[in-house]
C-alpha atoms as a PDB file:
ATOM      1  CA  MET A   1     -42.276 -52.048 -96.350  1.00  0.00           C
ATOM      2  CA  ARG A   2     -39.807 -52.992 -99.204  1.00  0.00           C
ATOM      3  CA  GLU A   3     -36.620 -55.007 -98.446  1.00  0.00           C
ATOM      4  CA  ILE A   4     -33.294 -55.740-100.145  1.00  0.00           C
ATOM      5  CA  ALA A   5     -31.241 -58.681 -99.047  1.00  0.00           C
ATOM      6  CA  ILE A   6     -27.777 -59.459 -99.950  1.00  0.00           C
ATOM      7  CA  THR A   7     -26.451 -63.085 -99.636  1.00  0.00           C
ATOM      8  CA  GLY A   8     -23.132 -64.652-100.656  1.00  0.00           C
ATOM      9  CA  LYS A   9     -19.543 -65.143-100.043  1.00  0.00           C
ATOM     10  CA  MET A  10     -17.088 -62.282 -99.395  1.00  0.00           C
ATOM     11  CA  MET A  11     -19.664 -59.442 -99.893  1.00  0.00           C
ATOM     12  CA  LEU A  12     -18.790 -56.001 -98.873  1.00  0.00           C
ATOM     13  CA  ALA A  13     -22.091 -54.319 -97.830  1.00  0.00           C
ATOM     14  CA  ILE A  14     -21.590 -50.680 -97.794  1.00  0.00           C
ATOM     15  CA  ALA A  15     -24.655 -48.546 -98.558  1.00  0.00           C
ATOM     16  CA  VAL A  16     -27.682 -48.776-100.755  1.00  0.00           C
ATOM     17  CA  VAL A  17     -28.744 -45.695-102.548  1.00  0.00           C
ATOM     18  CA  LEU A  18     -32.287 -45.706-103.586  1.00  0.00           C
ATOM     19  CA  ALA A  19     -32.977 -43.376-106.279  1.00  0.00           C
ATOM     20  CA  LEU A  20     -36.805 -42.912-106.384  1.00  0.00           C
ATOM     21  CA  LEU A  21     -38.275 -42.353-109.892  1.00  0.00           C
ATOM     22  CA  GLY A  22     -41.398 -40.311-109.675  1.00  0.00           C
ATOM     23  CA  LEU A  23     -44.394 -41.464-111.157  1.00  0.00           C
ATOM     24  CA  CYS A  24     -44.724 -38.630-113.483  1.00  0.00           C
ATOM     25  CA  GLY A  25     -42.398 -38.844-116.293  1.00  0.00           C
ATOM     26  CA  GLY A  26     -39.821 -40.946-114.425  1.00  0.00           C
ATOM     27  CA  ASN A  27     -37.788 -38.041-113.065  1.00  0.00           C
ATOM     28  CA  ALA A  28     -35.891 -38.700-109.894  1.00  0.00           C
ATOM     29  CA  SER A  29     -37.632 -36.882-107.091  1.00  0.00           C
ATOM     30  CA  ALA A  30     -35.744 -38.008-103.991  1.00  0.00           C
ATOM     31  CA  ASP A  31     -32.722 -40.092-102.815  1.00  0.00           C
ATOM     32  CA  LEU A  32     -32.798 -42.377 -99.779  1.00  0.00           C
ATOM     33  CA  ILE A  33     -29.444 -43.672 -98.532  1.00  0.00           C
ATOM     34  CA  ILE A  34     -29.424 -46.505 -96.085  1.00  0.00           C
ATOM     35  CA  ASP A  35     -25.740 -47.329 -94.769  1.00  0.00           C
ATOM     36  CA  ASN A  36     -24.592 -50.401 -93.092  1.00  0.00           C
ATOM     37  CA  GLY A  37     -25.710 -50.143 -89.321  1.00  0.00           C
ATOM     38  CA  GLY A  38     -28.253 -47.401 -90.021  1.00  0.00           C
ATOM     39  CA  PRO A  39     -31.987 -47.329 -89.260  1.00  0.00           C
ATOM     40  CA  GLY A  40     -33.673 -50.028 -91.499  1.00  0.00           C
ATOM     41  CA  THR A  41     -30.785 -52.552 -91.500  1.00  0.00           C
ATOM     42  CA  SER A  42     -30.631 -56.056 -90.159  1.00  0.00           C
ATOM     43  CA  TYR A  43     -28.310 -59.079 -90.742  1.00  0.00           C
ATOM     44  CA  THR A  44     -27.791 -62.614 -89.836  1.00  0.00           C
ATOM     45  CA  GLY A  45     -24.513 -64.365 -89.160  1.00  0.00           C
ATOM     46  CA  SER A  46     -21.291 -62.379 -88.396  1.00  0.00           C
ATOM     47  CA  TRP A  47     -20.213 -59.278 -90.232  1.00  0.00           C
ATOM     48  CA  LYS A  48     -16.810 -57.744 -89.629  1.00  0.00           C
ATOM     49  CA  VAL A  49     -15.617 -54.346 -90.333  1.00  0.00           C
ATOM     50  CA  SER A  50     -13.505 -54.361 -93.668  1.00  0.00           C
ATOM     51  CA  GLY A  51     -10.078 -53.119 -94.264  1.00  0.00           C
ATOM     52  CA  GLY A  52     -11.165 -52.124 -97.785  1.00  0.00           C
ATOM     53  CA  THR A  53     -10.351 -48.676 -98.853  1.00  0.00           C
ATOM     54  CA  THR A  54     -12.842 -45.806-100.022  1.00  0.00           C
ATOM     55  CA  PRO A  55     -15.771 -46.968 -97.854  1.00  0.00           C
ATOM     56  CA  TYR A  56     -19.025 -44.983 -97.909  1.00  0.00           C
ATOM     57  CA  GLY A  57     -19.449 -43.553 -94.585  1.00  0.00           C
ATOM     58  CA  ALA A  58     -17.328 -44.749 -91.549  1.00  0.00           C
ATOM     59  CA  ASN A  59     -16.701 -48.193 -92.797  1.00  0.00           C
ATOM     60  CA  SER A  60     -17.626 -51.242 -94.782  1.00  0.00           C
ATOM     61  CA  LEU A  61     -18.463 -54.749 -93.775  1.00  0.00           C
ATOM     62  CA  TRP A  62     -17.595 -58.144 -94.890  1.00  0.00           C
ATOM     63  CA  SER A  63     -18.889 -61.557 -94.422  1.00  0.00           C
ATOM     64  CA  ARG A  64     -19.243 -65.126 -96.075  1.00  0.00           C
ATOM     65  CA  ASP A  65     -20.935 -68.531 -95.652  1.00  0.00           C
ATOM     66  CA  GLY A  66     -24.674 -67.875 -96.091  1.00  0.00           C
ATOM     67  CA  THR A  67     -24.934 -64.714 -94.058  1.00  0.00           C
ATOM     68  CA  THR A  68     -27.409 -62.041 -95.057  1.00  0.00           C
ATOM     69  CA  TYR A  69     -27.607 -58.328 -94.826  1.00  0.00           C
ATOM     70  CA  THR A  70     -30.995 -56.490 -95.303  1.00  0.00           C
ATOM     71  CA  TRP A  71     -31.780 -52.843 -96.033  1.00  0.00           C
ATOM     72  CA  SER A  72     -35.505 -52.235 -95.375  1.00  0.00           C
ATOM     73  CA  PHE A  73     -37.538 -48.909 -96.042  1.00  0.00           C
ATOM     74  CA  SER A  74     -40.972 -47.498 -96.083  1.00  0.00           C
ATOM     75  CA  GLY A  75     -42.884 -44.559 -96.897  1.00  0.00           C
ATOM     76  CA  GLN A  76     -41.990 -44.146-100.623  1.00  0.00           C
ATOM     77  CA  PRO A  77     -44.764 -44.438-103.162  1.00  0.00           C
ATOM     78  CA  ASN A  78     -45.185 -47.311-105.610  1.00  0.00           C
ATOM     79  CA  GLY A  79     -43.015 -46.768-108.632  1.00  0.00           C
ATOM     80  CA  LEU A  80     -39.664 -47.801-110.233  1.00  0.00           C
ATOM     81  CA  TYR A  81     -36.481 -47.463-108.344  1.00  0.00           C
ATOM     82  CA  ASP A  82     -32.733 -47.423-109.392  1.00  0.00           C
ATOM     83  CA  ILE A  83     -30.883 -49.270-106.641  1.00  0.00           C
ATOM     84  CA  SER A  84     -26.981 -48.698-106.452  1.00  0.00           C
ATOM     85  CA  MET A  85     -24.556 -50.470-104.144  1.00  0.00           C
ATOM     86  CA  TRP A  86     -21.076 -49.456-103.178  1.00  0.00           C
ATOM     87  CA  TRP A  87     -18.229 -51.841-102.682  1.00  0.00           C
ATOM     88  CA  SER A  88     -14.733 -50.686-101.325  1.00  0.00           C
ATOM     89  CA  GLY A  89     -11.666 -51.293-102.742  1.00  0.00           C
ATOM     90  CA  LEU A  90      -9.454 -54.271-101.849  1.00  0.00           C
END
């Protein structure tokens, strides 16, 4: 299992887009999108729905003061990954 954890103040956790780079020539072979609240997500502390504009999916979340939000995924082969995150507007 692979995990990505976000910590910090006033983070807007929206979605993690994992573009899998294949082992043959570095060509992207699949996308895996893990949105907040979806399977493979967990968090510590209190996260609230943000009023930010243009969220990915139904909403975005915010928190502060040492909370964490973690996206976990498995089943992808070893290789290089491009990881993108989406922050909504203020």
